[in-house]
Amino acid sequence: MNYQEFVEEIKKRAHDELGYPTELMRYYPEGYTSTDPIEINWIQESNERYMNQTSDTVLTDLLFLFTNKGDVVTMVQRIAVKQSYDSCGGDVDIAFAGIRKAHSEIDAAKVSRETLELRLTDAYSDIRDHLIVRPLNYQKNCPELSKYVYRRIGDVALVLYQILGDADHTLTTSKIRRSELDRWGVTPQEALDNALENTARIYPACVYDQRVSQEVDLLSGDFSKEDLMLLPGTFAVSTFKTTNGAAALFYPGVVQKLMTIMGGPFVAVFMNINDTMIFAVEDSKSKEMARKAGKPGPFGEMLSGKRYRCDENGVTPID
């Protein structure tokens, strides 16, 4: 199957099997440019996602799939069709399996038109409760982050997102651009503080013993380290859903509560974006765990290879 036949077959299946209206599909060839602000935003985000580059010009062929409800048209999926064609050797069955999976995840997340339209309003109060933070490794993502809102702590970037949906272990989010805060008339600090409070509410922090996965609500429980029957090097902080677990250390009140449990300042090591191990300041094992955590591999998506001291001043990188 040649490339043009591949594109047409993808369109046909997207219509027949997923219900996308053919007349609303948009194909953007490599080199395409636009003067429409909405299209420019789509192009920029697609280039960052698929090509890891910033450009207002389409850098690889794109197919956008839309749905409509009455007079309202919503972009739901975008596909780097040339990349898909090359990676699957023109096998449309393999390519469409990925498109179908993405469609199912979007459907499961129940991304509503009302939620998406919050980004278009000028009232910060409309979107405030839909903001969360997600932790990313700063060095890996710094070229892209310049346009977005984040707070940096050592290797960790706490990035501001709008939450669009969370169902069946599929968290759907979209980064917030700095220009959007200007439109809403809110500072990055205020938006990030609000988002941390929301994240703590949606994904409550828990502590657990890694040996037995015993989970205890961190902020609402009244307990000591001894109550958890922990051994050194097994004490971890996350969220009950594990999702976004590394952000939990930065929730309001979390460091203070952990200091009470640990009897004073402590050392944190981010094993990945979901789990943070807690060590006594004098525990030498924290150095070895930080070294392991700083290498991509068995612990999940790498967040930081540093150790972090946690005390009354907050969270500060040591190494």
C-alpha atoms as a PDB file:
ATOM      1  CA  MET A   1       0.000   0.000   0.000  1.00  0.00           C
ATOM      2  CA  ASN A   2       1.460   3.359  -1.001  1.00  0.00           C
ATOM      3  CA  TYR A   3       1.364   6.369   1.295  1.00  0.00           C
ATOM      4  CA  GLN A   4      -1.665   8.112  -0.230  1.00  0.00           C
ATOM      5  CA  GLU A   5      -3.688   4.890  -0.111  1.00  0.00           C
ATOM      6  CA  PHE A   6      -2.613   4.476   3.519  1.00  0.00           C
ATOM      7  CA  VAL A   7      -3.911   7.947   4.414  1.00  0.00           C
ATOM      8  CA  GLU A   8      -7.245   7.371   2.686  1.00  0.00           C
ATOM      9  CA  GLU A   9      -7.683   3.986   4.395  1.00  0.00           C
ATOM     10  CA  ILE A  10      -6.975   5.554   7.796  1.00  0.00           C
ATOM     11  CA  LYS A  11      -9.633   8.182   7.069  1.00  0.00           C
ATOM     12  CA  LYS A  12     -12.136   5.521   5.982  1.00  0.00           C
ATOM     13  CA  ARG A  13     -11.605   3.409   9.086  1.00  0.00           C
ATOM     14  CA  ALA A  14     -11.745   6.444  11.360  1.00  0.00           C
ATOM     15  CA  HIS A  15     -15.165   7.173   9.870  1.00  0.00           C
ATOM     16  CA  ASP A  16     -16.521   3.627   9.664  1.00  0.00           C
ATOM     17  CA  GLU A  17     -15.200   2.253  12.958  1.00  0.00           C
ATOM     18  CA  LEU A  18     -14.808   5.300  15.215  1.00  0.00           C
ATOM     19  CA  GLY A  19     -17.531   7.565  13.874  1.00  0.00           C
ATOM     20  CA  TYR A  20     -15.452  10.580  12.873  1.00  0.00           C
ATOM     21  CA  PRO A  21     -17.215  12.627  10.123  1.00  0.00           C
ATOM     22  CA  THR A  22     -15.141  12.463   6.948  1.00  0.00           C
ATOM     23  CA  GLU A  23     -16.003  16.042   6.003  1.00  0.00           C
ATOM     24  CA  LEU A  24     -14.442  17.317   9.252  1.00  0.00           C
ATOM     25  CA  MET A  25     -11.103  15.539   8.877  1.00  0.00           C
ATOM     26  CA  ARG A  26      -8.163  17.844   8.183  1.00  0.00           C
ATOM     27  CA  TYR A  27      -4.910  16.760   6.569  1.00  0.00           C
ATOM     28  CA  TYR A  28      -1.899  19.023   7.045  1.00  0.00           C
ATOM     29  CA  PRO A  29       1.098  18.125   4.849  1.00  0.00           C
ATOM     30  CA  GLU A  30       4.674  18.786   5.894  1.00  0.00           C
ATOM     31  CA  GLY A  31       5.494  22.443   5.273  1.00  0.00           C
ATOM     32  CA  TYR A  32       1.947  23.715   5.887  1.00  0.00           C
ATOM     33  CA  THR A  33       1.622  27.075   7.684  1.00  0.00           C
ATOM     34  CA  SER A  34      -1.388  28.986   8.944  1.00  0.00           C
ATOM     35  CA  THR A  35      -2.420  32.436  10.142  1.00  0.00           C
ATOM     36  CA  ASP A  36      -5.267  31.060  12.289  1.00  0.00           C
ATOM     37  CA  PRO A  37      -4.241  31.276  15.993  1.00  0.00           C
ATOM     38  CA  ILE A  38      -6.043  28.026  16.817  1.00  0.00           C
ATOM     39  CA  GLU A  39      -4.366  26.132  13.964  1.00  0.00           C
ATOM     40  CA  ILE A  40      -0.987  27.611  14.905  1.00  0.00           C
ATOM     41  CA  ASN A  41      -1.444  26.308  18.446  1.00  0.00           C
ATOM     42  CA  TRP A  42      -2.346  22.842  17.109  1.00  0.00           C
ATOM     43  CA  ILE A  43       0.720  22.858  14.844  1.00  0.00           C
ATOM     44  CA  GLN A  44       3.045  23.960  17.642  1.00  0.00           C
ATOM     45  CA  GLU A  45       1.778  21.312  20.043  1.00  0.00           C
ATOM     46  CA  SER A  46       1.987  18.611  17.361  1.00  0.00           C
ATOM     47  CA  ASN A  47       5.576  19.517  16.472  1.00  0.00           C
ATOM     48  CA  GLU A  48       6.538  19.386  20.147  1.00  0.00           C
ATOM     49  CA  ARG A  49       4.805  16.048  20.632  1.00  0.00           C
ATOM     50  CA  TYR A  50       5.939  14.230  17.513  1.00  0.00           C
ATOM     51  CA  MET A  51       9.169  15.985  16.505  1.00  0.00           C
ATOM     52  CA  ASN A  52      10.378  17.439  19.820  1.00  0.00           C
ATOM     53  CA  GLN A  53      10.842  20.761  18.030  1.00  0.00           C
ATOM     54  CA  THR A  54       9.230  24.180  18.265  1.00  0.00           C
ATOM     55  CA  SER A  55       7.875  25.505  14.969  1.00  0.00           C
ATOM     56  CA  ASP A  56       4.782  27.152  13.481  1.00  0.00           C
ATOM     57  CA  THR A  57       5.275  25.082  10.320  1.00  0.00           C
ATOM     58  CA  VAL A  58       4.077  21.474  10.101  1.00  0.00           C
ATOM     59  CA  LEU A  59       7.202  19.296  10.362  1.00  0.00           C
ATOM     60  CA  THR A  60       5.564  15.950   9.567  1.00  0.00           C
ATOM     61  CA  ASP A  61       2.249  15.106   7.858  1.00  0.00           C
ATOM     62  CA  LEU A  62      -0.667  15.354  10.300  1.00  0.00           C
ATOM     63  CA  LEU A  63      -4.255  14.122  10.225  1.00  0.00           C
ATOM     64  CA  PHE A  64      -6.708  15.774  12.638  1.00  0.00           C
ATOM     65  CA  LEU A  65      -9.975  14.050  13.532  1.00  0.00           C
ATOM     66  CA  PHE A  66     -12.978  16.040  14.750  1.00  0.00           C
ATOM     67  CA  THR A  67     -16.423  15.338  16.139  1.00  0.00           C
ATOM     68  CA  ASN A  68     -19.441  17.590  16.048  1.00  0.00           C
ATOM     69  CA  LYS A  69     -22.444  18.042  18.271  1.00  0.00           C
ATOM     70  CA  GLY A  70     -24.896  20.344  16.592  1.00  0.00           C
ATOM     71  CA  ASP A  71     -22.938  23.416  15.494  1.00  0.00           C
ATOM     72  CA  VAL A  72     -20.038  22.733  17.855  1.00  0.00           C
ATOM     73  CA  VAL A  73     -16.959  21.069  16.316  1.00  0.00           C
ATOM     74  CA  THR A  74     -14.250  19.630  18.593  1.00  0.00           C
ATOM     75  CA  MET A  75     -10.812  18.321  17.645  1.00  0.00           C
ATOM     76  CA  VAL A  76     -10.396  14.925  19.341  1.00  0.00           C
ATOM     77  CA  GLN A  77      -7.397  13.131  17.822  1.00  0.00           C
ATOM     78  CA  ARG A  78      -4.316  14.053  15.839  1.00  0.00           C
ATOM     79  CA  ILE A  79      -2.166  11.513  14.036  1.00  0.00           C
ATOM     80  CA  ALA A  80       1.353  11.858  12.644  1.00  0.00           C
ATOM     81  CA  VAL A  81       0.397   9.813   9.607  1.00  0.00           C
ATOM     82  CA  LYS A  82       3.767   9.868   7.842  1.00  0.00           C
ATOM     83  CA  GLN A  83       5.530   8.711  11.003  1.00  0.00           C
ATOM     84  CA  SER A  84       2.855   6.042  11.452  1.00  0.00           C
ATOM     85  CA  TYR A  85       3.248   4.870   7.845  1.00  0.00           C
ATOM     86  CA  ASP A  86       7.030   4.623   8.129  1.00  0.00           C
ATOM     87  CA  SER A  87       7.022   2.916  11.540  1.00  0.00           C
ATOM     88  CA  CYS A  88       4.515   0.196  10.585  1.00  0.00           C
ATOM     89  CA  GLY A  89       5.805  -0.360   7.059  1.00  0.00           C
ATOM     90  CA  GLY A  90       2.510   0.721   5.530  1.00  0.00           C
ATOM     91  CA  ASP A  91       0.500  -1.895   7.459  1.00  0.00           C
ATOM     92  CA  VAL A  92      -2.755  -0.078   8.096  1.00  0.00           C
ATOM     93  CA  ASP A  93      -3.972  -2.717  10.585  1.00  0.00           C
ATOM     94  CA  ILE A  94      -1.031  -2.072  12.882  1.00  0.00           C
ATOM     95  CA  ALA A  95      -1.355   1.693  12.517  1.00  0.00           C
ATOM     96  CA  PHE A  96      -5.086   1.740  13.150  1.00  0.00           C
ATOM     97  CA  ALA A  97      -4.757  -0.439  16.248  1.00  0.00           C
ATOM     98  CA  GLY A  98      -2.853   2.431  17.870  1.00  0.00           C
ATOM     99  CA  ILE A  99      -5.437   4.980  16.730  1.00  0.00           C
ATOM    100  CA  ARG A 100      -8.265   2.825  18.095  1.00  0.00           C
ATOM    101  CA  LYS A 101      -6.456   2.468  21.443  1.00  0.00           C
ATOM    102  CA  ALA A 102      -5.967   6.228  21.712  1.00  0.00           C
ATOM    103  CA  HIS A 103      -9.627   6.765  20.848  1.00  0.00           C
ATOM    104  CA  SER A 104     -10.686   4.348  23.590  1.00  0.00           C
ATOM    105  CA  GLU A 105      -8.524   6.141  26.138  1.00  0.00           C
ATOM    106  CA  ILE A 106      -9.981   9.501  25.174  1.00  0.00           C
ATOM    107  CA  ASP A 107     -13.492   8.102  25.358  1.00  0.00           C
ATOM    108  CA  ALA A 108     -12.800   6.516  28.738  1.00  0.00           C
ATOM    109  CA  ALA A 109     -11.456   9.801  30.058  1.00  0.00           C
ATOM    110  CA  LYS A 110     -14.768  11.461  29.105  1.00  0.00           C
ATOM    111  CA  VAL A 111     -13.197  14.652  27.846  1.00  0.00           C
ATOM    112  CA  SER A 112     -16.276  16.868  27.629  1.00  0.00           C
ATOM    113  CA  ARG A 113     -16.756  19.864  25.391  1.00  0.00           C
ATOM    114  CA  GLU A 114     -17.524  21.968  28.456  1.00  0.00           C
ATOM    115  CA  THR A 115     -14.171  21.105  30.057  1.00  0.00           C
ATOM    116  CA  LEU A 116     -12.204  21.914  26.922  1.00  0.00           C
ATOM    117  CA  GLU A 117     -14.028  25.202  26.457  1.00  0.00           C
ATOM    118  CA  LEU A 118     -12.875  26.415  29.880  1.00  0.00           C
ATOM    119  CA  ARG A 119      -9.532  27.263  28.231  1.00  0.00           C
ATOM    120  CA  LEU A 120     -11.306  29.800  26.007  1.00  0.00           C
ATOM    121  CA  THR A 121     -12.892  31.825  28.810  1.00  0.00           C
ATOM    122  CA  ASP A 122     -11.355  34.950  30.301  1.00  0.00           C
ATOM    123  CA  ALA A 123     -12.447  34.077  33.842  1.00  0.00           C
ATOM    124  CA  TYR A 124      -9.773  32.317  35.911  1.00  0.00           C
ATOM    125  CA  SER A 125     -12.456  31.205  38.357  1.00  0.00           C
ATOM    126  CA  ASP A 126     -13.942  28.968  35.632  1.00  0.00           C
ATOM    127  CA  ILE A 127     -10.782  26.878  35.243  1.00  0.00           C
ATOM    128  CA  ARG A 128      -9.108  27.209  38.654  1.00  0.00           C
ATOM    129  CA  ASP A 129     -10.536  23.973  40.072  1.00  0.00           C
ATOM    130  CA  HIS A 130      -9.408  22.044  36.970  1.00  0.00           C
ATOM    131  CA  LEU A 131      -5.709  22.850  37.379  1.00  0.00           C
ATOM    132  CA  ILE A 132      -3.200  20.323  38.730  1.00  0.00           C
ATOM    133  CA  VAL A 133       0.573  19.937  38.785  1.00  0.00           C
ATOM    134  CA  ARG A 134       2.520  17.050  37.286  1.00  0.00           C
ATOM    135  CA  PRO A 135       6.216  16.373  38.004  1.00  0.00           C
ATOM    136  CA  LEU A 136       8.643  16.210  35.066  1.00  0.00           C
ATOM    137  CA  ASN A 137      12.416  15.947  34.861  1.00  0.00           C
ATOM    138  CA  TYR A 138      13.587  19.494  34.168  1.00  0.00           C
ATOM    139  CA  GLN A 139      16.665  18.716  32.080  1.00  0.00           C
ATOM    140  CA  LYS A 140      14.775  16.391  29.758  1.00  0.00           C
ATOM    141  CA  ASN A 141      11.919  18.817  29.208  1.00  0.00           C
ATOM    142  CA  CYS A 142      13.500  22.289  29.568  1.00  0.00           C
ATOM    143  CA  PRO A 143      13.426  23.263  25.847  1.00  0.00           C
ATOM    144  CA  GLU A 144       9.667  22.754  25.753  1.00  0.00           C
ATOM    145  CA  LEU A 145       8.918  24.192  29.193  1.00  0.00           C
ATOM    146  CA  SER A 146       9.860  27.785  28.335  1.00  0.00           C
ATOM    147  CA  LYS A 147       6.340  28.433  27.010  1.00  0.00           C
ATOM    148  CA  TYR A 148       4.571  26.796  29.925  1.00  0.00           C
ATOM    149  CA  VAL A 149       4.046  27.439  33.627  1.00  0.00           C
ATOM    150  CA  TYR A 150       6.196  25.523  36.094  1.00  0.00           C
ATOM    151  CA  ARG A 151       8.142  25.716  39.346  1.00  0.00           C
ATOM    152  CA  ARG A 152      11.643  24.255  39.436  1.00  0.00           C
ATOM    153  CA  ILE A 153      13.158  22.497  42.450  1.00  0.00           C
ATOM    154  CA  GLY A 154      16.510  20.971  41.487  1.00  0.00           C
ATOM    155  CA  ASP A 155      15.859  18.389  38.762  1.00  0.00           C
ATOM    156  CA  VAL A 156      12.097  18.563  39.328  1.00  0.00           C
ATOM    157  CA  ALA A 157       9.742  20.769  37.350  1.00  0.00           C
ATOM    158  CA  LEU A 158       6.242  20.986  38.825  1.00  0.00           C
ATOM    159  CA  VAL A 159       4.296  21.801  35.665  1.00  0.00           C
ATOM    160  CA  LEU A 160       0.863  23.405  35.526  1.00  0.00           C
ATOM    161  CA  TYR A 161      -1.762  21.368  33.658  1.00  0.00           C
ATOM    162  CA  GLN A 162      -5.481  21.394  33.057  1.00  0.00           C
ATOM    163  CA  ILE A 163      -6.977  18.026  33.962  1.00  0.00           C
ATOM    164  CA  LEU A 164      -9.344  16.872  31.231  1.00  0.00           C
ATOM    165  CA  GLY A 165     -10.207  13.409  32.471  1.00  0.00           C
ATOM    166  CA  ASP A 166      -9.051  10.512  34.632  1.00  0.00           C
ATOM    167  CA  ALA A 167     -10.625   7.102  34.128  1.00  0.00           C
ATOM    168  CA  ASP A 168      -9.356   3.546  33.972  1.00  0.00           C
ATOM    169  CA  HIS A 169      -5.806   4.632  34.893  1.00  0.00           C
ATOM    170  CA  THR A 170      -5.721   7.064  31.949  1.00  0.00           C
ATOM    171  CA  LEU A 171      -4.942  10.613  33.053  1.00  0.00           C
ATOM    172  CA  THR A 172      -5.645  13.127  30.281  1.00  0.00           C
ATOM    173  CA  THR A 173      -4.129  16.587  30.759  1.00  0.00           C
ATOM    174  CA  SER A 174      -2.952  19.623  28.820  1.00  0.00           C
ATOM    175  CA  LYS A 175      -0.150  22.029  29.779  1.00  0.00           C
ATOM    176  CA  ILE A 176      -1.043  25.647  30.545  1.00  0.00           C
ATOM    177  CA  ARG A 177       0.826  28.292  28.551  1.00  0.00           C
ATOM    178  CA  ARG A 178       2.203  31.443  30.180  1.00  0.00           C
ATOM    179  CA  SER A 179       0.161  33.562  27.785  1.00  0.00           C
ATOM    180  CA  GLU A 180      -3.027  32.021  29.160  1.00  0.00           C
ATOM    181  CA  LEU A 181      -2.227  33.257  32.664  1.00  0.00           C
ATOM    182  CA  ASP A 182      -1.846  36.771  31.268  1.00  0.00           C
ATOM    183  CA  ARG A 183      -5.317  36.504  29.775  1.00  0.00           C
ATOM    184  CA  TRP A 184      -6.741  35.293  33.080  1.00  0.00           C
ATOM    185  CA  GLY A 185      -4.891  37.968  35.046  1.00  0.00           C
ATOM    186  CA  VAL A 186      -3.261  35.546  37.478  1.00  0.00           C
ATOM    187  CA  THR A 187       0.385  35.084  38.471  1.00  0.00           C
ATOM    188  CA  PRO A 188       2.268  31.799  38.006  1.00  0.00           C
ATOM    189  CA  GLN A 189       2.732  31.505  41.777  1.00  0.00           C
ATOM    190  CA  GLU A 190      -0.989  31.847  42.468  1.00  0.00           C
ATOM    191  CA  ALA A 191      -1.933  29.368  39.734  1.00  0.00           C
ATOM    192  CA  LEU A 192       0.641  26.802  40.894  1.00  0.00           C
ATOM    193  CA  ASP A 193      -0.447  27.187  44.533  1.00  0.00           C
ATOM    194  CA  ASN A 194      -4.081  26.635  43.527  1.00  0.00           C
ATOM    195  CA  ALA A 195      -3.068  23.645  41.396  1.00  0.00           C
ATOM    196  CA  LEU A 196      -1.123  22.028  44.257  1.00  0.00           C
ATOM    197  CA  GLU A 197      -4.175  22.328  46.486  1.00  0.00           C
ATOM    198  CA  ASN A 198      -6.343  20.757  43.769  1.00  0.00           C
ATOM    199  CA  THR A 199      -3.837  17.942  43.179  1.00  0.00           C
ATOM    200  CA  ALA A 200      -3.766  17.176  46.888  1.00  0.00           C
ATOM    201  CA  ARG A 201      -7.565  17.006  46.901  1.00  0.00           C
ATOM    202  CA  ILE A 202      -7.881  14.828  43.781  1.00  0.00           C
ATOM    203  CA  TYR A 203      -4.872  12.578  44.543  1.00  0.00           C
ATOM    204  CA  PRO A 204      -4.495  12.428  48.351  1.00  0.00           C
ATOM    205  CA  ALA A 205      -1.009  11.744  49.684  1.00  0.00           C
ATOM    206  CA  CYS A 206      -0.264   8.454  51.390  1.00  0.00           C
ATOM    207  CA  VAL A 207       2.730   6.807  53.024  1.00  0.00           C
ATOM    208  CA  TYR A 208       3.415   3.112  52.736  1.00  0.00           C
ATOM    209  CA  ASP A 209       5.840   0.361  53.494  1.00  0.00           C
ATOM    210  CA  GLN A 210       7.284  -0.845  50.194  1.00  0.00           C
ATOM    211  CA  ARG A 211       7.635  -4.384  51.534  1.00  0.00           C
ATOM    212  CA  VAL A 212       3.922  -4.891  52.080  1.00  0.00           C
ATOM    213  CA  SER A 213       2.334  -1.935  50.215  1.00  0.00           C
ATOM    214  CA  GLN A 214       0.585  -0.860  53.403  1.00  0.00           C
ATOM    215  CA  GLU A 215      -0.998   2.511  52.581  1.00  0.00           C
ATOM    216  CA  VAL A 216      -1.935   5.097  55.211  1.00  0.00           C
ATOM    217  CA  ASP A 217      -3.518   8.488  54.537  1.00  0.00           C
ATOM    218  CA  LEU A 218      -0.733  10.921  55.319  1.00  0.00           C
ATOM    219  CA  LEU A 219      -2.505  14.141  56.232  1.00  0.00           C
ATOM    220  CA  SER A 220      -5.672  12.877  57.919  1.00  0.00           C
ATOM    221  CA  GLY A 221      -4.083  10.116  59.996  1.00  0.00           C
ATOM    222  CA  ASP A 222      -2.554  10.528  63.452  1.00  0.00           C
ATOM    223  CA  PHE A 223       0.296   8.045  63.618  1.00  0.00           C
ATOM    224  CA  SER A 224       4.038   7.669  64.069  1.00  0.00           C
ATOM    225  CA  LYS A 225       6.708   5.900  62.066  1.00  0.00           C
ATOM    226  CA  GLU A 226       6.530   3.009  64.515  1.00  0.00           C
ATOM    227  CA  ASP A 227       2.828   2.560  63.738  1.00  0.00           C
ATOM    228  CA  LEU A 228       3.788   1.556  60.203  1.00  0.00           C
ATOM    229  CA  MET A 229       6.317  -1.059  61.379  1.00  0.00           C
ATOM    230  CA  LEU A 230       8.813   0.201  58.821  1.00  0.00           C
ATOM    231  CA  LEU A 231      12.315  -0.986  58.145  1.00  0.00           C
ATOM    232  CA  PRO A 232      14.981   1.511  56.980  1.00  0.00           C
ATOM    233  CA  GLY A 233      14.783   2.131  53.246  1.00  0.00           C
ATOM    234  CA  THR A 234      11.182   0.973  52.830  1.00  0.00           C
ATOM    235  CA  PHE A 235       9.296   4.162  53.733  1.00  0.00           C
ATOM    236  CA  ALA A 236       7.736   5.846  50.691  1.00  0.00           C
ATOM    237  CA  VAL A 237       5.335   8.667  49.884  1.00  0.00           C
ATOM    238  CA  SER A 238       2.951   8.606  46.934  1.00  0.00           C
ATOM    239  CA  THR A 239      -0.781   8.922  46.263  1.00  0.00           C
ATOM    240  CA  PHE A 240      -3.434   6.273  46.736  1.00  0.00           C
ATOM    241  CA  LYS A 241      -3.800   5.924  42.952  1.00  0.00           C
ATOM    242  CA  THR A 242       0.015   6.136  42.544  1.00  0.00           C
ATOM    243  CA  THR A 243      -0.730   8.626  39.740  1.00  0.00           C
ATOM    244  CA  ASN A 244       1.345  11.783  40.123  1.00  0.00           C
ATOM    245  CA  GLY A 245       2.829  10.381  43.317  1.00  0.00           C
ATOM    246  CA  ALA A 246       6.050  12.431  43.309  1.00  0.00           C
ATOM    247  CA  ALA A 247       4.016  15.643  43.462  1.00  0.00           C
ATOM    248  CA  ALA A 248       2.712  14.604  46.876  1.00  0.00           C
ATOM    249  CA  LEU A 249       5.908  15.697  48.651  1.00  0.00           C
ATOM    250  CA  PHE A 250       5.132  19.293  47.622  1.00  0.00           C
ATOM    251  CA  TYR A 251       1.523  19.328  48.825  1.00  0.00           C
ATOM    252  CA  PRO A 252       0.721  21.883  51.548  1.00  0.00           C
ATOM    253  CA  GLY A 253       1.461  20.366  54.973  1.00  0.00           C
ATOM    254  CA  VAL A 254       3.150  17.180  53.720  1.00  0.00           C
ATOM    255  CA  VAL A 255       6.757  18.032  54.665  1.00  0.00           C
ATOM    256  CA  GLN A 256       5.594  19.237  58.082  1.00  0.00           C
ATOM    257  CA  LYS A 257       3.672  16.015  58.714  1.00  0.00           C
ATOM    258  CA  LEU A 258       6.601  13.866  57.583  1.00  0.00           C
ATOM    259  CA  MET A 259       8.939  15.796  59.883  1.00  0.00           C
ATOM    260  CA  THR A 260       6.633  14.899  62.757  1.00  0.00           C
ATOM    261  CA  ILE A 261       6.730  11.241  61.741  1.00  0.00           C
ATOM    262  CA  MET A 262      10.506  11.217  61.206  1.00  0.00           C
ATOM    263  CA  GLY A 263      11.280  13.286  64.289  1.00  0.00           C
ATOM    264  CA  GLY A 264      12.841  16.150  62.340  1.00  0.00           C
ATOM    265  CA  PRO A 265      14.379  16.916  58.922  1.00  0.00           C
ATOM    266  CA  PHE A 266      14.663  14.027  56.487  1.00  0.00           C
ATOM    267  CA  VAL A 267      16.001  13.171  53.033  1.00  0.00           C
ATOM    268  CA  ALA A 268      13.769  12.407  50.036  1.00  0.00           C
ATOM    269  CA  VAL A 269      14.745  10.485  46.889  1.00  0.00           C
ATOM    270  CA  PHE A 270      12.397  10.508  43.895  1.00  0.00           C
ATOM    271  CA  MET A 271      12.514   6.950  42.592  1.00  0.00           C
ATOM    272  CA  ASN A 272      10.378   7.998  39.607  1.00  0.00           C
ATOM    273  CA  ILE A 273       7.491  10.363  38.875  1.00  0.00           C
ATOM    274  CA  ASN A 274       5.197   8.329  41.155  1.00  0.00           C
ATOM    275  CA  ASP A 275       7.182   7.258  44.229  1.00  0.00           C
ATOM    276  CA  THR A 276       9.380   9.100  46.722  1.00  0.00           C
ATOM    277  CA  MET A 277      11.454   7.238  49.276  1.00  0.00           C
ATOM    278  CA  ILE A 278      12.063   8.833  52.674  1.00  0.00           C
ATOM    279  CA  PHE A 279      15.295   8.441  54.661  1.00  0.00           C
ATOM    280  CA  ALA A 280      16.664   9.710  57.942  1.00  0.00           C
ATOM    281  CA  VAL A 281      19.269  12.434  57.385  1.00  0.00           C
ATOM    282  CA  GLU A 282      22.067  10.176  58.611  1.00  0.00           C
ATOM    283  CA  ASP A 283      21.012   7.163  56.517  1.00  0.00           C
ATOM    284  CA  SER A 284      23.788   6.538  53.979  1.00  0.00           C
ATOM    285  CA  LYS A 285      21.474   4.380  51.824  1.00  0.00           C
ATOM    286  CA  SER A 286      19.924   7.522  50.387  1.00  0.00           C
ATOM    287  CA  LYS A 287      23.029   8.198  48.260  1.00  0.00           C
ATOM    288  CA  GLU A 288      22.916   4.781  46.628  1.00  0.00           C
ATOM    289  CA  MET A 289      19.171   5.027  45.969  1.00  0.00           C
ATOM    290  CA  ALA A 290      19.582   8.487  44.403  1.00  0.00           C
ATOM    291  CA  ARG A 291      22.278   7.112  42.115  1.00  0.00           C
ATOM    292  CA  LYS A 292      19.974   4.304  40.987  1.00  0.00           C
ATOM    293  CA  ALA A 293      16.971   6.597  40.614  1.00  0.00           C
ATOM    294  CA  GLY A 294      18.954   8.941  38.360  1.00  0.00           C
ATOM    295  CA  LYS A 295      19.360   6.270  35.704  1.00  0.00           C
ATOM    296  CA  PRO A 296      16.511   5.571  33.252  1.00  0.00           C
ATOM    297  CA  GLY A 297      15.371   1.993  33.654  1.00  0.00           C
ATOM    298  CA  PRO A 298      13.687  -0.328  36.126  1.00  0.00           C
ATOM    299  CA  PHE A 299      12.208   2.245  38.504  1.00  0.00           C
ATOM    300  CA  GLY A 300       9.896   3.850  35.937  1.00  0.00           C
ATOM    301  CA  GLU A 301      10.041   7.300  34.342  1.00  0.00           C
ATOM    302  CA  MET A 302      13.082   9.037  35.812  1.00  0.00           C
ATOM    303  CA  LEU A 303      12.485  12.278  37.713  1.00  0.00           C
ATOM    304  CA  SER A 304      15.731  13.123  39.522  1.00  0.00           C
ATOM    305  CA  GLY A 305      19.077  11.705  40.513  1.00  0.00           C
ATOM    306  CA  LYS A 306      19.472  14.126  43.410  1.00  0.00           C
ATOM    307  CA  ARG A 307      18.760  13.786  47.099  1.00  0.00           C
ATOM    308  CA  TYR A 308      16.514  16.436  48.644  1.00  0.00           C
ATOM    309  CA  ARG A 309      16.649  17.736  52.205  1.00  0.00           C
ATOM    310  CA  CYS A 310      13.210  18.402  53.642  1.00  0.00           C
ATOM    311  CA  ASP A 311      12.885  20.698  56.648  1.00  0.00           C
ATOM    312  CA  GLU A 312      11.112  23.824  57.843  1.00  0.00           C
ATOM    313  CA  ASN A 313      12.452  25.625  54.747  1.00  0.00           C
ATOM    314  CA  GLY A 314      10.768  23.196  52.371  1.00  0.00           C
ATOM    315  CA  VAL A 315      12.363  20.859  49.808  1.00  0.00           C
ATOM    316  CA  THR A 316      15.954  21.669  48.753  1.00  0.00           C
ATOM    317  CA  PRO A 317      18.325  19.638  46.519  1.00  0.00           C
ATOM    318  CA  ILE A 318      21.434  18.391  48.301  1.00  0.00           C
ATOM    319  CA  ASP A 319      23.554  16.963  45.484  1.00  0.00           C
END
